[in-house]
Amino acid sequence: MTTLDANTEPRSVAGTRTWPAALGLMRRSLVNITRLPSAFIPSIMMPVFQAVAFSGTFFAIIQIPGFPTDRSINWFLPLGVVMGSGFAGIGIGFSTINDLEGGFYDRIRLTPAPRRALLTGPLLAALSRSTIVTAIVLLVGVLFGARPTHGVLGIVPLFLAALGIATIGTGWGLGLAYRFRDMRAAAIMQLTIFLVIFLTEAQTPLFIMEGWLEQVARINPFNNIIRLSRLGFLDAPMTFDNTWGGLLAIVGIGVGALWFARRGLDRLSDV
C-alpha cells in the first residue's frame, strides 16, 4: 500500500473536487446578477455611456492627420469594453468583501474545496461577466456605426483584451479584498483601474500626446492591451507584430495579479 502524507491528496480526487466547487462559485456569482441587478447594471451602462458619449463629444478627433480610423466610435468602443471588463473583474472583489464581512466566506473555507477553487470560481464568473459586457457594448457600438475593419476576425482581439483585463481585475480585486477584508479596498480597486487605463492612449493617439502623459503612456504596459483591443477596428494590419505586445502584457500582468490573489488567500487562511 502507498502511504500518503496527511497534507497530500490523490490527483484524481483533487481534480474532481476543484471544478465542481469552482463551477458552483461561478454559478452563485452569476445568479447574484439576477438577484441584485443594481450591482451589475452599472458595469454595463458605464462602458456603453463611455463609448457613445466620447465618440459623440470628440467626433472631430478623426480629422487629425494620420488618425487611424474614419469613425470615432471605432476608437472609443474598445475603450468602453476594456473599462467595463476591468470593472467586471474588480466587481468580483466587491462581492468577496461582502462575503467576508457577512461571514459567508468563512463557511466556504470550512468546506473541503481546495483553495484554488476559491480563485478559479470567481475568475470564471468574471470572464462570463466580461463576455456579457463585451457583447452588449459591441452591439450598441454597431448600432451607432462601429464597423470592424477586418470583418468578424477583427472582434477576436477585442474579446482577448476584454478577457485579459477581466483576469487582471479579478486577481487585483481578490488580492485587495483578502488583505483589507472590508470596503476600504473598494476605492483602491476602482482608482487603480481608472489610472492604469486612462494613463494610456485611451482617448488620444500616442503620436499627438505631449509632456508627462506621453512618457507615462509609452511605458505603461496597459497601453499594449488598449492597442490590442482596437486592432480590429483601425486601419492597421492584424499581424503578430501588432498583437504580441498586448498578449504579453495580458499574460505577464495576469499571472502577477493571480499570484497576488493567491498570496492574499494564503494570508487570509493563516489568520
Protein backbone atom coordinates (compact mmCIF):
# COMPACT_ATOMS: atom_id res chain seq x y z
CA MET A 1 0.00 0.00 0.00
CA THR A 2 1.11 3.53 -0.76
CA THR A 3 1.42 5.87 2.19
CA LEU A 4 0.22 9.42 1.66
CA ASP A 5 1.26 12.41 3.67
CA ALA A 6 -1.55 13.98 5.70
CA ASN A 7 -1.43 17.13 3.56
CA THR A 8 -1.36 15.21 0.26
CA GLU A 9 -4.41 14.12 -1.68
CA PRO A 10 -4.65 11.91 -4.76
CA ARG A 11 -4.51 13.84 -8.01
CA SER A 12 -7.83 12.46 -9.24
CA VAL A 13 -9.64 13.38 -6.02
CA ALA A 14 -8.21 16.90 -6.05
CA GLY A 15 -9.29 17.36 -9.66
CA THR A 16 -12.84 16.19 -9.08
CA ARG A 17 -13.19 18.49 -6.07
CA THR A 18 -11.76 21.60 -7.68
CA TRP A 19 -14.04 22.01 -10.67
CA PRO A 20 -17.42 21.30 -9.03
CA ALA A 21 -16.58 23.82 -6.32
CA ALA A 22 -15.30 26.36 -8.84
CA LEU A 23 -18.34 25.98 -11.06
CA GLY A 24 -20.62 26.27 -8.04
CA LEU A 25 -19.00 29.55 -7.04
CA MET A 26 -19.24 30.80 -10.62
CA ARG A 27 -22.95 29.97 -10.80
CA ARG A 28 -23.57 31.69 -7.47
CA SER A 29 -21.89 34.84 -8.75
CA LEU A 30 -23.92 34.83 -11.97
CA VAL A 31 -27.17 34.14 -10.12
CA ASN A 32 -26.45 37.16 -7.94
CA ILE A 33 -26.73 39.29 -11.09
CA THR A 34 -30.43 38.47 -11.30
CA ARG A 35 -30.92 38.83 -7.56
CA LEU A 36 -29.12 42.16 -7.32
CA PRO A 37 -29.06 43.67 -10.83
CA SER A 38 -28.26 47.11 -9.42
CA ALA A 39 -24.74 45.86 -8.68
CA PHE A 40 -24.15 44.67 -12.27
CA ILE A 41 -26.10 47.09 -14.46
CA PRO A 42 -23.65 49.99 -13.83
CA SER A 43 -20.80 47.83 -15.18
CA ILE A 44 -22.77 47.64 -18.44
CA MET A 45 -24.13 51.19 -18.56
CA MET A 46 -20.78 52.81 -17.81
CA PRO A 47 -18.89 51.36 -20.84
CA VAL A 48 -21.89 51.93 -23.11
CA PHE A 49 -22.05 55.55 -21.97
CA GLN A 50 -18.30 55.98 -22.45
CA ALA A 51 -18.33 54.59 -25.97
CA VAL A 52 -21.34 56.61 -27.12
CA ALA A 53 -20.65 59.85 -25.25
CA PHE A 54 -16.94 60.04 -26.06
CA SER A 55 -17.45 59.20 -29.73
CA GLY A 56 -20.11 61.90 -29.99
CA THR A 57 -18.33 64.57 -27.98
CA PHE A 58 -14.93 64.02 -29.60
CA PHE A 59 -16.12 63.07 -33.10
CA ALA A 60 -13.78 65.65 -34.63
CA ILE A 61 -10.78 63.62 -33.46
CA ILE A 62 -10.90 61.72 -36.75
CA GLN A 63 -9.87 64.93 -38.56
CA ILE A 64 -6.40 64.76 -37.02
CA PRO A 65 -3.92 63.97 -39.82
CA GLY A 66 -2.85 60.37 -39.58
CA PHE A 67 -5.71 59.31 -37.30
CA PRO A 68 -6.07 55.54 -37.78
CA THR A 69 -9.86 55.40 -38.42
CA ASP A 70 -12.58 57.50 -40.00
CA ARG A 71 -15.15 56.56 -37.30
CA SER A 72 -14.83 57.97 -33.81
CA ILE A 73 -16.94 55.12 -32.40
CA ASN A 74 -14.30 52.67 -33.68
CA TRP A 75 -11.74 54.42 -31.49
CA PHE A 76 -13.79 54.71 -28.30
CA LEU A 77 -15.79 51.45 -28.36
CA PRO A 78 -12.78 49.26 -27.42
CA LEU A 79 -12.01 51.66 -24.57
CA GLY A 80 -15.52 51.14 -23.20
CA VAL A 81 -15.18 47.38 -23.49
CA VAL A 82 -11.83 47.32 -21.70
CA MET A 83 -13.07 49.57 -18.93
CA GLY A 84 -16.27 47.54 -18.49
CA SER A 85 -14.32 44.27 -18.40
CA GLY A 86 -11.96 45.69 -15.81
CA PHE A 87 -14.91 46.55 -13.61
CA ALA A 88 -16.38 43.11 -14.22
CA GLY A 89 -13.18 41.77 -12.67
CA ILE A 90 -12.98 44.07 -9.67
CA GLY A 91 -16.71 43.57 -9.17
CA ILE A 92 -15.77 40.09 -8.03
CA GLY A 93 -13.59 41.76 -5.42
CA PHE A 94 -16.58 43.78 -4.21
CA SER A 95 -18.65 40.60 -3.88
CA THR A 96 -15.86 38.89 -1.98
CA ILE A 97 -15.69 41.77 0.50
CA ASN A 98 -19.41 41.38 1.13
CA ASP A 99 -18.94 37.65 1.68
CA LEU A 100 -16.04 38.29 4.06
CA GLU A 101 -17.99 40.84 6.07
CA GLY A 102 -21.12 38.69 6.15
CA GLY A 103 -19.34 35.53 7.26
CA PHE A 104 -20.18 33.52 4.13
CA TYR A 105 -16.53 33.26 3.14
CA ASP A 106 -15.65 31.67 6.46
CA ARG A 107 -18.19 28.95 5.74
CA ILE A 108 -16.69 28.37 2.29
CA ARG A 109 -13.23 27.99 3.81
CA LEU A 110 -14.56 25.30 6.18
CA THR A 111 -15.61 23.13 3.22
CA PRO A 112 -13.17 20.58 1.71
CA ALA A 113 -12.93 22.61 -1.51
CA PRO A 114 -9.28 23.27 -2.49
CA ARG A 115 -8.03 26.83 -2.24
CA ARG A 116 -7.53 27.04 -5.99
CA ALA A 117 -11.31 26.62 -6.41
CA LEU A 118 -11.78 29.83 -4.42
CA LEU A 119 -9.81 31.62 -7.15
CA THR A 120 -10.93 29.63 -10.20
CA GLY A 121 -14.65 30.06 -9.49
CA PRO A 122 -14.56 33.86 -9.17
CA LEU A 123 -12.28 34.07 -12.21
CA LEU A 124 -14.74 32.07 -14.34
CA ALA A 125 -17.54 34.34 -13.13
CA ALA A 126 -15.55 37.44 -14.08
CA LEU A 127 -14.81 36.06 -17.55
CA SER A 128 -18.51 35.31 -18.03
CA ARG A 129 -19.46 38.81 -16.92
CA SER A 130 -16.81 40.28 -19.22
CA THR A 131 -18.23 38.36 -22.17
CA ILE A 132 -21.71 39.72 -21.45
CA VAL A 133 -20.41 43.28 -21.17
CA THR A 134 -18.36 42.98 -24.36
CA ALA A 135 -21.26 41.58 -26.36
CA ILE A 136 -23.66 44.33 -25.22
CA VAL A 137 -21.22 47.20 -25.77
CA LEU A 138 -20.29 45.78 -29.16
CA LEU A 139 -23.94 45.52 -30.17
CA VAL A 140 -24.66 49.10 -29.11
CA GLY A 141 -21.50 50.27 -30.85
CA VAL A 142 -22.55 48.63 -34.11
CA LEU A 143 -25.92 50.36 -33.85
CA PHE A 144 -24.05 53.68 -33.54
CA GLY A 145 -21.89 52.97 -36.56
CA ALA A 146 -18.92 50.95 -35.33
CA ARG A 147 -17.56 48.63 -38.01
CA PRO A 148 -14.69 46.13 -37.58
CA THR A 149 -12.16 46.75 -40.32
CA HIS A 150 -11.22 43.07 -40.57
CA GLY A 151 -14.67 41.52 -40.51
CA VAL A 152 -15.61 39.02 -37.83
CA LEU A 153 -11.92 38.27 -37.25
CA GLY A 154 -11.49 41.84 -36.03
CA ILE A 155 -13.63 41.09 -32.99
CA VAL A 156 -11.19 38.44 -31.72
CA PRO A 157 -8.55 40.88 -30.40
CA LEU A 158 -11.32 42.85 -28.66
CA PHE A 159 -12.53 39.76 -26.78
CA LEU A 160 -8.95 38.72 -25.95
CA ALA A 161 -8.22 42.13 -24.46
CA ALA A 162 -11.52 42.12 -22.56
CA LEU A 163 -10.94 38.68 -21.03
CA GLY A 164 -7.37 39.64 -20.21
CA ILE A 165 -8.40 42.82 -18.39
CA ALA A 166 -11.12 40.87 -16.55
CA THR A 167 -8.50 38.37 -15.39
CA ILE A 168 -6.20 41.14 -14.19
CA GLY A 169 -9.07 42.92 -12.45
CA THR A 170 -10.15 39.72 -10.73
CA GLY A 171 -6.70 38.95 -9.38
CA TRP A 172 -6.15 42.52 -8.23
CA GLY A 173 -9.61 42.80 -6.68
CA LEU A 174 -9.40 39.49 -4.83
CA GLY A 175 -5.89 40.22 -3.59
CA LEU A 176 -7.00 43.53 -2.10
CA ALA A 177 -10.20 42.02 -0.68
CA TYR A 178 -8.26 39.28 1.11
CA ARG A 179 -5.84 41.79 2.61
CA PHE A 180 -8.23 44.55 3.71
CA ARG A 181 -11.33 42.39 4.29
CA ASP A 182 -13.60 45.46 4.22
CA MET A 183 -14.75 48.20 1.85
CA ARG A 184 -11.54 50.17 2.22
CA ALA A 185 -10.27 48.02 -0.64
CA ALA A 186 -13.10 49.08 -2.96
CA ALA A 187 -11.79 52.60 -3.51
CA ILE A 188 -8.30 51.29 -4.29
CA MET A 189 -9.71 48.79 -6.80
CA GLN A 190 -11.65 51.46 -8.70
CA LEU A 191 -8.94 54.11 -8.59
CA THR A 192 -6.21 51.82 -9.88
CA ILE A 193 -8.35 50.55 -12.78
CA PHE A 194 -9.10 54.12 -13.84
CA LEU A 195 -5.47 55.19 -13.54
CA VAL A 196 -3.82 52.32 -15.42
CA ILE A 197 -6.32 52.57 -18.30
CA PHE A 198 -6.54 56.34 -18.68
CA LEU A 199 -2.76 56.75 -18.42
CA THR A 200 -2.57 55.22 -21.90
CA GLU A 201 -3.66 56.39 -25.34
CA ALA A 202 -7.19 55.69 -24.15
CA GLN A 203 -8.56 58.93 -25.62
CA THR A 204 -5.92 60.25 -27.98
CA PRO A 205 -3.22 58.53 -30.06
CA LEU A 206 0.26 58.43 -28.66
CA PHE A 207 1.74 60.43 -31.54
CA ILE A 208 -0.20 63.61 -30.63
CA MET A 209 0.42 63.45 -26.87
CA GLU A 210 2.85 65.79 -25.16
CA GLY A 211 4.53 66.11 -21.79
CA TRP A 212 4.44 63.63 -18.93
CA LEU A 213 1.31 61.83 -20.13
CA GLU A 214 3.03 60.79 -23.35
CA GLN A 215 6.03 59.49 -21.40
CA VAL A 216 3.87 57.53 -18.96
CA ALA A 217 1.64 56.10 -21.70
CA ARG A 218 4.65 54.97 -23.69
CA ILE A 219 5.95 52.75 -20.86
CA ASN A 220 2.55 51.72 -19.48
CA PRO A 221 2.05 48.01 -20.34
CA PHE A 222 -1.72 48.51 -20.32
CA ASN A 223 -1.25 50.66 -23.41
CA ASN A 224 -0.41 47.48 -25.31
CA ILE A 225 -3.70 45.94 -24.16
CA ILE A 226 -5.62 49.01 -25.35
CA ARG A 227 -3.88 48.73 -28.71
CA LEU A 228 -4.78 45.05 -28.95
CA SER A 229 -8.44 45.79 -28.24
CA ARG A 230 -8.54 48.37 -31.06
CA LEU A 231 -6.63 46.37 -33.62
CA GLY A 232 -9.71 45.02 -35.38
CA PHE A 233 -11.32 48.47 -35.60
CA LEU A 234 -8.43 50.51 -37.03
CA ASP A 235 -6.78 50.78 -40.41
CA ALA A 236 -3.84 48.63 -39.35
CA PRO A 237 -2.83 45.10 -40.38
CA MET A 238 -3.61 42.26 -37.95
CA THR A 239 -0.08 40.88 -37.73
CA PHE A 240 1.91 39.28 -34.96
CA ASP A 241 3.98 42.46 -34.62
CA ASN A 242 0.81 44.36 -33.73
CA THR A 243 -0.53 41.78 -31.27
CA TRP A 244 2.36 40.26 -29.32
CA GLY A 245 2.79 43.28 -27.03
CA GLY A 246 -0.81 43.15 -25.86
CA LEU A 247 -0.78 39.37 -25.42
CA LEU A 248 2.48 39.54 -23.46
CA ALA A 249 1.08 42.27 -21.20
CA ILE A 250 -2.05 40.21 -20.53
CA VAL A 251 -0.09 37.08 -19.64
CA GLY A 252 2.53 38.87 -17.55
CA ILE A 253 0.20 41.15 -15.59
CA GLY A 254 -2.49 38.47 -15.35
CA VAL A 255 -0.11 35.93 -13.81
CA GLY A 256 1.16 38.55 -11.38
CA ALA A 257 -2.38 39.58 -10.38
CA LEU A 258 -3.49 35.98 -9.79
CA TRP A 259 -0.32 35.32 -7.77
CA PHE A 260 -1.16 38.42 -5.72
CA ALA A 261 -4.65 37.00 -5.11
CA ARG A 262 -3.31 33.56 -4.12
CA ARG A 263 -0.85 35.08 -1.67
CA GLY A 264 -3.68 37.11 -0.15
CA LEU A 265 -5.83 33.98 0.18
CA ASP A 266 -2.98 32.12 1.88
CA ARG A 267 -2.51 35.03 4.28
CA LEU A 268 -6.25 35.10 4.96
CA SER A 269 -6.22 31.39 5.76
CA ASP A 270 -3.44 31.92 8.29
CA VAL A 271 -5.46 34.49 10.24
